[in-house]
């Protein structure tokens, strides 16, 4: 599974999005657009990314730009993995 697919899967699970009825794409906006994407969801997404993708994310690395879109989050994770 690609990093993009894994990130989307984590977002779907964390935000309780049913991929059958709604689909996230790289262009999908997150923070401030999806009501379920609140501070608790951010923490859950970070934890899942760390556990499932083996990355360590420091608090000082995070800002609103990381969570602006699915693409920005994927890019952040890809940079952490390399």
PDB file of N, CA and C in Angstrom:
ATOM      1  N   UNK A   1       0.853  -1.180   0.000  1.00  0.00           N
ATOM      2  CA  UNK A   1       0.000   0.000   0.000  1.00  0.00           C
ATOM      3  C   UNK A   1       0.897   1.241   0.000  1.00  0.00           C
ATOM      4  N   UNK A   2       0.584   2.202  -0.843  1.00  0.00           N
ATOM      5  CA  UNK A   2       1.374   3.431  -0.923  1.00  0.00           C
ATOM      6  C   UNK A   2       1.149   4.291   0.315  1.00  0.00           C
ATOM      7  N   UNK A   3       2.046   5.239   0.519  1.00  0.00           N
ATOM      8  CA  UNK A   3       1.873   6.168   1.638  1.00  0.00           C
ATOM      9  C   UNK A   3       0.581   6.950   1.462  1.00  0.00           C
ATOM     10  N   UNK A   4       0.308   7.377   0.239  1.00  0.00           N
ATOM     11  CA  UNK A   4      -0.938   8.107  -0.033  1.00  0.00           C
ATOM     12  C   UNK A   4      -2.155   7.285   0.381  1.00  0.00           C
ATOM     13  N   UNK A   5      -2.207   6.029  -0.023  1.00  0.00           N
ATOM     14  CA  UNK A   5      -3.341   5.159   0.301  1.00  0.00           C
ATOM     15  C   UNK A   5      -3.444   4.932   1.806  1.00  0.00           C
ATOM     16  N   UNK A   6      -2.296   4.787   2.469  1.00  0.00           N
ATOM     17  CA  UNK A   6      -2.304   4.544   3.913  1.00  0.00           C
ATOM     18  C   UNK A   6      -2.797   5.778   4.664  1.00  0.00           C
ATOM     19  N   UNK A   7      -2.329   6.961   4.241  1.00  0.00           N
ATOM     20  CA  UNK A   7      -2.773   8.203   4.885  1.00  0.00           C
ATOM     21  C   UNK A   7      -4.284   8.376   4.707  1.00  0.00           C
ATOM     22  N   UNK A   8      -4.772   8.145   3.503  1.00  0.00           N
ATOM     23  CA  UNK A   8      -6.218   8.255   3.255  1.00  0.00           C
ATOM     24  C   UNK A   8      -6.981   7.242   4.088  1.00  0.00           C
ATOM     25  N   UNK A   9      -6.470   6.035   4.199  1.00  0.00           N
ATOM     26  CA  UNK A   9      -7.109   5.009   5.026  1.00  0.00           C
ATOM     27  C   UNK A   9      -7.165   5.440   6.493  1.00  0.00           C
ATOM     28  N   UNK A  10      -6.067   5.992   6.993  1.00  0.00           N
ATOM     29  CA  UNK A  10      -6.030   6.469   8.381  1.00  0.00           C
ATOM     30  C   UNK A  10      -7.031   7.601   8.577  1.00  0.00           C
ATOM     31  N   UNK A  11      -7.080   8.538   7.638  1.00  0.00           N
ATOM     32  CA  UNK A  11      -8.048   9.632   7.733  1.00  0.00           C
ATOM     33  C   UNK A  11      -9.478   9.114   7.695  1.00  0.00           C
ATOM     34  N   UNK A  12      -9.765   8.190   6.783  1.00  0.00           N
ATOM     35  CA  UNK A  12     -11.111   7.613   6.703  1.00  0.00           C
ATOM     36  C   UNK A  12     -11.509   6.972   8.024  1.00  0.00           C
ATOM     37  N   UNK A  13     -10.600   6.206   8.582  1.00  0.00           N
ATOM     38  CA  UNK A  13     -10.900   5.511   9.847  1.00  0.00           C
ATOM     39  C   UNK A  13     -11.064   6.508  10.993  1.00  0.00           C
ATOM     40  N   UNK A  14     -10.129   7.429  11.120  1.00  0.00           N
ATOM     41  CA  UNK A  14     -10.147   8.385  12.236  1.00  0.00           C
ATOM     42  C   UNK A  14     -11.355   9.307  12.183  1.00  0.00           C
ATOM     43  N   UNK A  15     -11.712   9.736  10.986  1.00  0.00           N
ATOM     44  CA  UNK A  15     -12.820  10.680  10.829  1.00  0.00           C
ATOM     45  C   UNK A  15     -14.153   9.989  10.564  1.00  0.00           C
ATOM     46  N   UNK A  16     -14.147   8.660  10.587  1.00  0.00           N
ATOM     47  CA  UNK A  16     -15.347   7.858  10.334  1.00  0.00           C
ATOM     48  C   UNK A  16     -15.980   8.212   8.984  1.00  0.00           C
ATOM     49  N   UNK A  17     -15.120   8.326   7.974  1.00  0.00           N
ATOM     50  CA  UNK A  17     -15.592   8.598   6.615  1.00  0.00           C
ATOM     51  C   UNK A  17     -15.766   7.262   5.909  1.00  0.00           C
ATOM     52  N   UNK A  18     -16.934   7.062   5.336  1.00  0.00           N
ATOM     53  CA  UNK A  18     -17.208   5.832   4.597  1.00  0.00           C
ATOM     54  C   UNK A  18     -16.747   6.010   3.159  1.00  0.00           C
ATOM     55  N   UNK A  19     -15.662   5.311   2.763  1.00  0.00           N
ATOM     56  CA  UNK A  19     -15.149   5.481   1.405  1.00  0.00           C
ATOM     57  C   UNK A  19     -16.150   5.093   0.320  1.00  0.00           C
ATOM     58  N   UNK A  20     -17.193   4.374   0.696  1.00  0.00           N
ATOM     59  CA  UNK A  20     -18.225   4.002  -0.273  1.00  0.00           C
ATOM     60  C   UNK A  20     -19.091   5.208  -0.657  1.00  0.00           C
ATOM     61  N   UNK A  21     -19.260   6.144   0.294  1.00  0.00           N
ATOM     62  CA  UNK A  21     -20.135   7.297   0.043  1.00  0.00           C
ATOM     63  C   UNK A  21     -19.370   8.604  -0.108  1.00  0.00           C
ATOM     64  N   UNK A  22     -18.210   8.697   0.507  1.00  0.00           N
ATOM     65  CA  UNK A  22     -17.382   9.895   0.407  1.00  0.00           C
ATOM     66  C   UNK A  22     -15.973   9.457   0.067  1.00  0.00           C
ATOM     67  N   UNK A  23     -15.300  10.223  -0.742  1.00  0.00           N
ATOM     68  CA  UNK A  23     -13.925   9.843  -1.041  1.00  0.00           C
ATOM     69  C   UNK A  23     -12.989  11.023  -0.846  1.00  0.00           C
ATOM     70  N   UNK A  24     -11.893  10.753  -0.167  1.00  0.00           N
ATOM     71  CA  UNK A  24     -10.848  11.742  -0.005  1.00  0.00           C
ATOM     72  C   UNK A  24      -9.868  11.599  -1.160  1.00  0.00           C
ATOM     73  N   UNK A  25      -9.454  12.726  -1.699  1.00  0.00           N
ATOM     74  CA  UNK A  25      -8.438  12.742  -2.744  1.00  0.00           C
ATOM     75  C   UNK A  25      -7.290  13.624  -2.252  1.00  0.00           C
ATOM     76  N   UNK A  26      -6.231  13.683  -3.026  1.00  0.00           N
ATOM     77  CA  UNK A  26      -5.103  14.536  -2.646  1.00  0.00           C
ATOM     78  C   UNK A  26      -5.525  15.995  -2.514  1.00  0.00           C
ATOM     79  N   UNK A  27      -6.529  16.408  -3.271  1.00  0.00           N
ATOM     80  CA  UNK A  27      -6.998  17.798  -3.236  1.00  0.00           C
ATOM     81  C   UNK A  27      -7.972  18.087  -2.099  1.00  0.00           C
ATOM     82  N   UNK A  28      -8.402  17.056  -1.383  1.00  0.00           N
ATOM     83  CA  UNK A  28      -9.381  17.265  -0.310  1.00  0.00           C
ATOM     84  C   UNK A  28      -8.792  18.139   0.792  1.00  0.00           C
ATOM     85  N   UNK A  29      -9.538  19.178   1.150  1.00  0.00           N
ATOM     86  CA  UNK A  29      -9.125  20.053   2.243  1.00  0.00           C
ATOM     87  C   UNK A  29      -9.514  19.405   3.563  1.00  0.00           C
ATOM     88  N   UNK A  30      -8.697  19.635   4.583  1.00  0.00           N
ATOM     89  CA  UNK A  30      -8.931  18.996   5.872  1.00  0.00           C
ATOM     90  C   UNK A  30      -9.266  20.018   6.964  1.00  0.00           C
ATOM     91  N   UNK A  31      -8.254  20.619   7.528  1.00  0.00           N
ATOM     92  CA  UNK A  31      -8.417  21.502   8.678  1.00  0.00           C
ATOM     93  C   UNK A  31      -9.304  22.688   8.326  1.00  0.00           C
ATOM     94  N   UNK A  32     -10.356  22.866   9.099  1.00  0.00           N
ATOM     95  CA  UNK A  32     -11.270  23.974   8.876  1.00  0.00           C
ATOM     96  C   UNK A  32     -12.376  23.687   7.880  1.00  0.00           C
ATOM     97  N   UNK A  33     -12.305  22.524   7.208  1.00  0.00           N
ATOM     98  CA  UNK A  33     -13.316  22.184   6.211  1.00  0.00           C
ATOM     99  C   UNK A  33     -14.144  20.980   6.669  1.00  0.00           C
ATOM    100  N   UNK A  34     -13.467  19.965   7.171  1.00  0.00           N
ATOM    101  CA  UNK A  34     -14.166  18.773   7.656  1.00  0.00           C
ATOM    102  C   UNK A  34     -14.437  18.968   9.152  1.00  0.00           C
ATOM    103  N   UNK A  35     -15.706  19.076   9.537  1.00  0.00           N
ATOM    104  CA  UNK A  35     -16.041  19.356  10.947  1.00  0.00           C
ATOM    105  C   UNK A  35     -15.462  18.332  11.926  1.00  0.00           C
ATOM    106  N   UNK A  36     -15.376  17.082  11.507  1.00  0.00           N
ATOM    107  CA  UNK A  36     -14.867  16.036  12.392  1.00  0.00           C
ATOM    108  C   UNK A  36     -13.353  16.146  12.618  1.00  0.00           C
ATOM    109  N   UNK A  37     -12.673  16.945  11.792  1.00  0.00           N
ATOM    110  CA  UNK A  37     -11.216  17.071  11.892  1.00  0.00           C
ATOM    111  C   UNK A  37     -10.881  18.163  12.898  1.00  0.00           C
ATOM    112  N   UNK A  38     -11.069  17.814  14.172  1.00  0.00           N
ATOM    113  CA  UNK A  38     -10.792  18.748  15.255  1.00  0.00           C
ATOM    114  C   UNK A  38      -9.463  18.375  15.923  1.00  0.00           C
ATOM    115  N   UNK A  39      -9.159  19.010  17.031  1.00  0.00           N
ATOM    116  CA  UNK A  39      -7.866  18.776  17.688  1.00  0.00           C
ATOM    117  C   UNK A  39      -7.706  17.330  18.133  1.00  0.00           C
ATOM    118  N   UNK A  40      -8.773  16.705  18.577  1.00  0.00           N
ATOM    119  CA  UNK A  40      -8.687  15.293  18.988  1.00  0.00           C
ATOM    120  C   UNK A  40      -8.429  14.397  17.780  1.00  0.00           C
ATOM    121  N   UNK A  41      -9.021  14.719  16.654  1.00  0.00           N
ATOM    122  CA  UNK A  41      -8.787  13.942  15.442  1.00  0.00           C
ATOM    123  C   UNK A  41      -7.345  14.102  14.976  1.00  0.00           C
ATOM    124  N   UNK A  42      -6.798  15.305  15.096  1.00  0.00           N
ATOM    125  CA  UNK A  42      -5.397  15.536  14.721  1.00  0.00           C
ATOM    126  C   UNK A  42      -4.491  14.632  15.547  1.00  0.00           C
ATOM    127  N   UNK A  43      -4.718  14.580  16.839  1.00  0.00           N
ATOM    128  CA  UNK A  43      -3.910  13.725  17.723  1.00  0.00           C
ATOM    129  C   UNK A  43      -4.057  12.264  17.315  1.00  0.00           C
ATOM    130  N   UNK A  44      -5.265  11.834  17.019  1.00  0.00           N
ATOM    131  CA  UNK A  44      -5.498  10.451  16.603  1.00  0.00           C
ATOM    132  C   UNK A  44      -4.798  10.131  15.286  1.00  0.00           C
ATOM    133  N   UNK A  45      -4.838  11.066  14.341  1.00  0.00           N
ATOM    134  CA  UNK A  45      -4.172  10.867  13.044  1.00  0.00           C
ATOM    135  C   UNK A  45      -2.664  10.772  13.245  1.00  0.00           C
ATOM    136  N   UNK A  46      -2.109  11.659  14.040  1.00  0.00           N
ATOM    137  CA  UNK A  46      -0.660  11.633  14.301  1.00  0.00           C
ATOM    138  C   UNK A  46      -0.255  10.308  14.932  1.00  0.00           C
ATOM    139  N   UNK A  47      -1.007   9.869  15.918  1.00  0.00           N
ATOM    140  CA  UNK A  47      -0.708   8.597  16.584  1.00  0.00           C
ATOM    141  C   UNK A  47      -0.765   7.440  15.595  1.00  0.00           C
ATOM    142  N   UNK A  48      -1.790   7.406  14.763  1.00  0.00           N
ATOM    143  CA  UNK A  48      -1.930   6.331  13.778  1.00  0.00           C
ATOM    144  C   UNK A  48      -0.798   6.365  12.755  1.00  0.00           C
ATOM    145  N   UNK A  49      -0.419   7.557  12.306  1.00  0.00           N
ATOM    146  CA  UNK A  49       0.695   7.673  11.354  1.00  0.00           C
ATOM    147  C   UNK A  49       1.977   7.138  11.966  1.00  0.00           C
ATOM    148  N   UNK A  50       2.217   7.503  13.213  1.00  0.00           N
ATOM    149  CA  UNK A  50       3.424   7.032  13.894  1.00  0.00           C
ATOM    150  C   UNK A  50       3.426   5.515  14.038  1.00  0.00           C
ATOM    151  N   UNK A  51       2.297   4.965  14.450  1.00  0.00           N
ATOM    152  CA  UNK A  51       2.211   3.523  14.680  1.00  0.00           C
ATOM    153  C   UNK A  51       2.236   2.723  13.385  1.00  0.00           C
ATOM    154  N   UNK A  52       1.478   3.156  12.393  1.00  0.00           N
ATOM    155  CA  UNK A  52       1.313   2.362  11.182  1.00  0.00           C
ATOM    156  C   UNK A  52       2.396   2.594  10.129  1.00  0.00           C
ATOM    157  N   UNK A  53       3.020   3.769  10.169  1.00  0.00           N
ATOM    158  CA  UNK A  53       4.034   4.064   9.161  1.00  0.00           C
ATOM    159  C   UNK A  53       5.442   4.178   9.744  1.00  0.00           C
ATOM    160  N   UNK A  54       5.545   4.038  11.054  1.00  0.00           N
ATOM    161  CA  UNK A  54       6.860   4.025  11.688  1.00  0.00           C
ATOM    162  C   UNK A  54       7.594   5.345  11.633  1.00  0.00           C
ATOM    163  N   UNK A  55       6.863   6.443  11.710  1.00  0.00           N
ATOM    164  CA  UNK A  55       7.501   7.757  11.742  1.00  0.00           C
ATOM    165  C   UNK A  55       7.362   8.345  13.137  1.00  0.00           C
ATOM    166  N   UNK A  56       8.292   9.209  13.493  1.00  0.00           N
ATOM    167  CA  UNK A  56       8.201   9.947  14.749  1.00  0.00           C
ATOM    168  C   UNK A  56       7.952  11.403  14.413  1.00  0.00           C
ATOM    169  N   UNK A  57       6.899  11.964  14.990  1.00  0.00           N
ATOM    170  CA  UNK A  57       6.499  13.331  14.677  1.00  0.00           C
ATOM    171  C   UNK A  57       6.594  14.167  15.945  1.00  0.00           C
ATOM    172  N   UNK A  58       7.428  15.194  15.902  1.00  0.00           N
ATOM    173  CA  UNK A  58       7.558  16.114  17.016  1.00  0.00           C
ATOM    174  C   UNK A  58       6.510  17.208  16.908  1.00  0.00           C
ATOM    175  N   UNK A  59       6.035  17.669  18.064  1.00  0.00           N
ATOM    176  CA  UNK A  59       5.010  18.719  18.074  1.00  0.00           C
ATOM    177  C   UNK A  59       5.453  19.968  17.314  1.00  0.00           C
ATOM    178  N   UNK A  60       6.747  20.312  17.402  1.00  0.00           N
ATOM    179  CA  UNK A  60       7.205  21.544  16.761  1.00  0.00           C
ATOM    180  C   UNK A  60       7.296  21.430  15.238  1.00  0.00           C
ATOM    181  N   UNK A  61       7.075  20.239  14.695  1.00  0.00           N
ATOM    182  CA  UNK A  61       7.055  20.052  13.245  1.00  0.00           C
ATOM    183  C   UNK A  61       5.673  20.310  12.651  1.00  0.00           C
ATOM    184  N   UNK A  62       4.682  20.409  13.497  1.00  0.00           N
ATOM    185  CA  UNK A  62       3.301  20.494  13.029  1.00  0.00           C
ATOM    186  C   UNK A  62       2.790  21.925  13.016  1.00  0.00           C
ATOM    187  N   UNK A  63       2.098  22.245  11.943  1.00  0.00           N
ATOM    188  CA  UNK A  63       1.376  23.506  11.859  1.00  0.00           C
ATOM    189  C   UNK A  63       0.160  23.287  10.963  1.00  0.00           C
ATOM    190  N   UNK A  64      -0.617  24.313  10.795  1.00  0.00           N
ATOM    191  CA  UNK A  64      -1.857  24.181  10.013  1.00  0.00           C
ATOM    192  C   UNK A  64      -1.585  23.788   8.570  1.00  0.00           C
ATOM    193  N   UNK A  65      -0.439  24.188   8.020  1.00  0.00           N
ATOM    194  CA  UNK A  65      -0.125  23.856   6.625  1.00  0.00           C
ATOM    195  C   UNK A  65      -0.003  22.351   6.405  1.00  0.00           C
ATOM    196  N   UNK A  66       0.491  21.627   7.409  1.00  0.00           N
ATOM    197  CA  UNK A  66       0.621  20.166   7.289  1.00  0.00           C
ATOM    198  C   UNK A  66      -0.751  19.536   7.085  1.00  0.00           C
ATOM    199  N   UNK A  67      -1.751  20.072   7.744  1.00  0.00           N
ATOM    200  CA  UNK A  67      -3.096  19.515   7.699  1.00  0.00           C
ATOM    201  C   UNK A  67      -4.046  20.290   6.784  1.00  0.00           C
ATOM    202  N   UNK A  68      -3.505  21.078   5.880  1.00  0.00           N
ATOM    203  CA  UNK A  68      -4.356  21.865   4.977  1.00  0.00           C
ATOM    204  C   UNK A  68      -5.120  20.967   4.010  1.00  0.00           C
ATOM    205  N   UNK A  69      -4.412  20.020   3.397  1.00  0.00           N
ATOM    206  CA  UNK A  69      -5.040  19.101   2.443  1.00  0.00           C
ATOM    207  C   UNK A  69      -4.468  17.700   2.656  1.00  0.00           C
ATOM    208  N   UNK A  70      -5.090  16.744   2.021  1.00  0.00           N
ATOM    209  CA  UNK A  70      -4.563  15.379   2.055  1.00  0.00           C
ATOM    210  C   UNK A  70      -3.163  15.377   1.443  1.00  0.00           C
ATOM    211  N   UNK A  71      -2.971  16.108   0.355  1.00  0.00           N
ATOM    212  CA  UNK A  71      -1.660  16.152  -0.317  1.00  0.00           C
ATOM    213  C   UNK A  71      -0.577  16.702   0.603  1.00  0.00           C
ATOM    214  N   UNK A  72      -0.872  17.748   1.365  1.00  0.00           N
ATOM    215  CA  UNK A  72       0.137  18.324   2.256  1.00  0.00           C
ATOM    216  C   UNK A  72       0.491  17.350   3.374  1.00  0.00           C
ATOM    217  N   UNK A  73      -0.487  16.591   3.842  1.00  0.00           N
ATOM    218  CA  UNK A  73      -0.223  15.593   4.873  1.00  0.00           C
ATOM    219  C   UNK A  73       0.594  14.439   4.303  1.00  0.00           C
ATOM    220  N   UNK A  74       0.263  13.989   3.109  1.00  0.00           N
ATOM    221  CA  UNK A  74       1.017  12.924   2.453  1.00  0.00           C
ATOM    222  C   UNK A  74       2.464  13.366   2.234  1.00  0.00           C
ATOM    223  N   UNK A  75       2.646  14.588   1.748  1.00  0.00           N
ATOM    224  CA  UNK A  75       3.999  15.102   1.508  1.00  0.00           C
ATOM    225  C   UNK A  75       4.802  15.148   2.803  1.00  0.00           C
ATOM    226  N   UNK A  76       4.167  15.584   3.891  1.00  0.00           N
ATOM    227  CA  UNK A  76       4.827  15.638   5.188  1.00  0.00           C
ATOM    228  C   UNK A  76       5.295  14.238   5.608  1.00  0.00           C
ATOM    229  N   UNK A  77       4.412  13.254   5.478  1.00  0.00           N
ATOM    230  CA  UNK A  77       4.756  11.883   5.866  1.00  0.00           C
ATOM    231  C   UNK A  77       5.862  11.328   4.964  1.00  0.00           C
ATOM    232  N   UNK A  78       5.762  11.582   3.673  1.00  0.00           N
ATOM    233  CA  UNK A  78       6.804  11.108   2.753  1.00  0.00           C
ATOM    234  C   UNK A  78       8.169  11.691   3.118  1.00  0.00           C
ATOM    235  N   UNK A  79       8.192  12.965   3.495  1.00  0.00           N
ATOM    236  CA  UNK A  79       9.449  13.580   3.910  1.00  0.00           C
ATOM    237  C   UNK A  79       9.972  12.974   5.216  1.00  0.00           C
ATOM    238  N   UNK A  80       9.083  12.601   6.105  1.00  0.00           N
ATOM    239  CA  UNK A  80       9.481  11.955   7.357  1.00  0.00           C
ATOM    240  C   UNK A  80      10.052  10.568   7.105  1.00  0.00           C
ATOM    241  N   UNK A  81       9.533   9.893   6.090  1.00  0.00           N
ATOM    242  CA  UNK A  81       9.960   8.528   5.783  1.00  0.00           C
ATOM    243  C   UNK A  81      11.309   8.494   5.072  1.00  0.00           C
ATOM    244  N   UNK A  82      11.690   9.609   4.416  1.00  0.00           N
ATOM    245  CA  UNK A  82      12.923   9.572   3.630  1.00  0.00           C
ATOM    246  C   UNK A  82      14.136  10.036   4.427  1.00  0.00           C
TER     247      UNK A  82
END
